[in-house]
Amino acid sequence: QRVADMPAGGPLYADRPVFVLMAKRTFSAAEGFAYDLQAARRATLVGEASRGGGNPANRNVELGSGMSAFVPNGRVEHPTTHGNWEGKGVQPDIASD
């Protein structure tokens, strides 16, 4: 397990505002990053709602005839909100077109 060193004097810029820019193509781990910062009230999300890919899958399921399906086999649940962004996306605090 890797542990980051704490800078002398505490976290850098802990009192500065953080803004995360999002677009409708923001997906998966990038959504998780934005969702976690928003839930912790550590960042303001700006832009469009993300795509809504919150539940992971290990691999595609082969269906035959050259077709496959991406079937989630896990579920992400945030420890504070008890929810996730699957199917609805992460909603920005400040929407833009």
C-alpha atoms as a PDB file:
ATOM      1  CA  GLN A   1       0.000   0.000   0.000  1.00  0.00           C
ATOM      2  CA  ARG A   2       1.303   3.423  -0.905  1.00  0.00           C
ATOM      3  CA  VAL A   3       0.886   6.335   1.490  1.00  0.00           C
ATOM      4  CA  ALA A   4       1.534   9.907   0.408  1.00  0.00           C
ATOM      5  CA  ASP A   5       3.812  12.007   2.584  1.00  0.00           C
ATOM      6  CA  MET A   6       2.123  14.931   4.332  1.00  0.00           C
ATOM      7  CA  PRO A   7       3.869  18.198   3.475  1.00  0.00           C
ATOM      8  CA  ALA A   8       5.408  20.032   6.430  1.00  0.00           C
ATOM      9  CA  GLY A   9       2.734  22.322   7.863  1.00  0.00           C
ATOM     10  CA  GLY A  10      -0.251  20.295   6.608  1.00  0.00           C
ATOM     11  CA  PRO A  11      -2.075  19.875   3.275  1.00  0.00           C
ATOM     12  CA  LEU A  12      -1.159  22.211   0.450  1.00  0.00           C
ATOM     13  CA  TYR A  13      -3.821  24.770  -0.392  1.00  0.00           C
ATOM     14  CA  ALA A  14      -6.546  23.149   1.719  1.00  0.00           C
ATOM     15  CA  ASP A  15      -8.298  26.536   1.969  1.00  0.00           C
ATOM     16  CA  ARG A  16      -8.352  27.204  -1.792  1.00  0.00           C
ATOM     17  CA  PRO A  17     -11.429  26.548  -3.939  1.00  0.00           C
ATOM     18  CA  VAL A  18     -11.336  23.596  -6.342  1.00  0.00           C
ATOM     19  CA  PHE A  19     -13.254  23.515  -9.626  1.00  0.00           C
ATOM     20  CA  VAL A  20     -13.731  20.381 -11.736  1.00  0.00           C
ATOM     21  CA  LEU A  21     -14.749  20.799 -15.370  1.00  0.00           C
ATOM     22  CA  MET A  22     -17.057  18.067 -16.692  1.00  0.00           C
ATOM     23  CA  ALA A  23     -18.629  17.216 -20.035  1.00  0.00           C
ATOM     24  CA  LYS A  24     -21.222  14.730 -21.233  1.00  0.00           C
ATOM     25  CA  ARG A  25     -18.324  12.500 -22.330  1.00  0.00           C
ATOM     26  CA  THR A  26     -16.878  12.357 -18.771  1.00  0.00           C
ATOM     27  CA  PHE A  27     -17.128   8.683 -17.823  1.00  0.00           C
ATOM     28  CA  SER A  28     -16.273   5.988 -15.288  1.00  0.00           C
ATOM     29  CA  ALA A  29     -13.290   6.754 -13.031  1.00  0.00           C
ATOM     30  CA  ALA A  30     -13.416  10.458 -13.936  1.00  0.00           C
ATOM     31  CA  GLU A  31     -17.038  10.472 -12.757  1.00  0.00           C
ATOM     32  CA  GLY A  32     -16.019   8.771  -9.528  1.00  0.00           C
ATOM     33  CA  PHE A  33     -13.375  11.427  -8.906  1.00  0.00           C
ATOM     34  CA  ALA A  34     -15.870  14.253  -9.477  1.00  0.00           C
ATOM     35  CA  TYR A  35     -18.605  12.533  -7.430  1.00  0.00           C
ATOM     36  CA  ASP A  36     -16.284  11.998  -4.458  1.00  0.00           C
ATOM     37  CA  LEU A  37     -15.080  15.606  -4.439  1.00  0.00           C
ATOM     38  CA  GLN A  38     -18.660  16.874  -4.712  1.00  0.00           C
ATOM     39  CA  ALA A  39     -19.889  14.591  -1.909  1.00  0.00           C
ATOM     40  CA  ALA A  40     -17.043  15.799   0.328  1.00  0.00           C
ATOM     41  CA  ARG A  41     -17.973  19.402  -0.516  1.00  0.00           C
ATOM     42  CA  ARG A  42     -14.386  19.910  -1.574  1.00  0.00           C
ATOM     43  CA  ALA A  43     -15.019  20.978  -5.179  1.00  0.00           C
ATOM     44  CA  THR A  44     -17.516  22.806  -7.363  1.00  0.00           C
ATOM     45  CA  LEU A  45     -18.420  20.855 -10.508  1.00  0.00           C
ATOM     46  CA  VAL A  46     -18.883  22.953 -13.633  1.00  0.00           C
ATOM     47  CA  GLY A  47     -20.189  21.874 -17.035  1.00  0.00           C
ATOM     48  CA  GLU A  48     -22.514  19.148 -18.245  1.00  0.00           C
ATOM     49  CA  ALA A  49     -23.857  16.036 -16.540  1.00  0.00           C
ATOM     50  CA  SER A  50     -21.522  13.082 -17.067  1.00  0.00           C
ATOM     51  CA  ARG A  51     -22.420   9.864 -18.947  1.00  0.00           C
ATOM     52  CA  GLY A  52     -23.400   7.727 -15.966  1.00  0.00           C
ATOM     53  CA  GLY A  53     -21.032   4.760 -15.917  1.00  0.00           C
ATOM     54  CA  GLY A  54     -20.729   3.902 -12.238  1.00  0.00           C
ATOM     55  CA  ASN A  55     -20.842   0.116 -12.047  1.00  0.00           C
ATOM     56  CA  PRO A  56     -17.727  -1.817 -13.086  1.00  0.00           C
ATOM     57  CA  ALA A  57     -17.380  -4.924 -15.218  1.00  0.00           C
ATOM     58  CA  ASN A  58     -14.324  -7.130 -15.571  1.00  0.00           C
ATOM     59  CA  ARG A  59     -14.803  -8.036 -19.227  1.00  0.00           C
ATOM     60  CA  ASN A  60     -17.272  -8.209 -22.104  1.00  0.00           C
ATOM     61  CA  VAL A  61     -19.602 -11.224 -22.257  1.00  0.00           C
ATOM     62  CA  GLU A  62     -19.363 -12.982 -25.618  1.00  0.00           C
ATOM     63  CA  LEU A  63     -22.821 -13.590 -27.143  1.00  0.00           C
ATOM     64  CA  GLY A  64     -21.734 -15.389 -30.290  1.00  0.00           C
ATOM     65  CA  SER A  65     -21.996 -14.350 -33.947  1.00  0.00           C
ATOM     66  CA  GLY A  66     -19.328 -11.714 -33.304  1.00  0.00           C
ATOM     67  CA  MET A  67     -21.417  -9.868 -30.698  1.00  0.00           C
ATOM     68  CA  SER A  68     -20.643  -9.128 -27.068  1.00  0.00           C
ATOM     69  CA  ALA A  69     -22.286  -7.293 -24.178  1.00  0.00           C
ATOM     70  CA  PHE A  70     -20.801  -5.160 -21.419  1.00  0.00           C
ATOM     71  CA  VAL A  71     -22.560  -6.416 -18.288  1.00  0.00           C
ATOM     72  CA  PRO A  72     -21.706  -4.767 -14.950  1.00  0.00           C
ATOM     73  CA  ASN A  73     -20.810  -7.269 -12.246  1.00  0.00           C
ATOM     74  CA  GLY A  74     -20.239  -4.824  -9.410  1.00  0.00           C
ATOM     75  CA  ARG A  75     -21.856  -1.802  -7.829  1.00  0.00           C
ATOM     76  CA  VAL A  76     -20.178   1.341  -6.538  1.00  0.00           C
ATOM     77  CA  GLU A  77     -21.718   2.813  -3.387  1.00  0.00           C
ATOM     78  CA  HIS A  78     -20.384   6.009  -1.852  1.00  0.00           C
ATOM     79  CA  PRO A  79     -19.964   5.639   1.938  1.00  0.00           C
ATOM     80  CA  THR A  80     -21.563   9.018   2.694  1.00  0.00           C
ATOM     81  CA  THR A  81     -24.314   9.370   0.095  1.00  0.00           C
ATOM     82  CA  HIS A  82     -25.056   5.624  -0.178  1.00  0.00           C
ATOM     83  CA  GLY A  83     -25.632   6.212  -3.873  1.00  0.00           C
ATOM     84  CA  ASN A  84     -23.775   6.458  -7.153  1.00  0.00           C
ATOM     85  CA  TRP A  85     -24.069   7.966 -10.625  1.00  0.00           C
ATOM     86  CA  GLU A  86     -24.985   4.858 -12.658  1.00  0.00           C
ATOM     87  CA  GLY A  87     -27.415   5.711 -15.463  1.00  0.00           C
ATOM     88  CA  LYS A  88     -27.930   9.327 -14.398  1.00  0.00           C
ATOM     89  CA  GLY A  89     -24.445  10.791 -14.385  1.00  0.00           C
ATOM     90  CA  VAL A  90     -22.845  13.175 -11.958  1.00  0.00           C
ATOM     91  CA  GLN A  91     -24.751  16.444 -11.919  1.00  0.00           C
ATOM     92  CA  PRO A  92     -22.726  19.658 -12.012  1.00  0.00           C
ATOM     93  CA  ASP A  93     -23.180  22.363  -9.404  1.00  0.00           C
ATOM     94  CA  ILE A  94     -22.973  24.970 -12.165  1.00  0.00           C
ATOM     95  CA  ALA A  95     -24.454  23.823 -15.477  1.00  0.00           C
ATOM     96  CA  SER A  96     -23.230  25.098 -18.828  1.00  0.00           C
ATOM     97  CA  ASP A  97     -24.066  24.282 -22.441  1.00  0.00           C
END
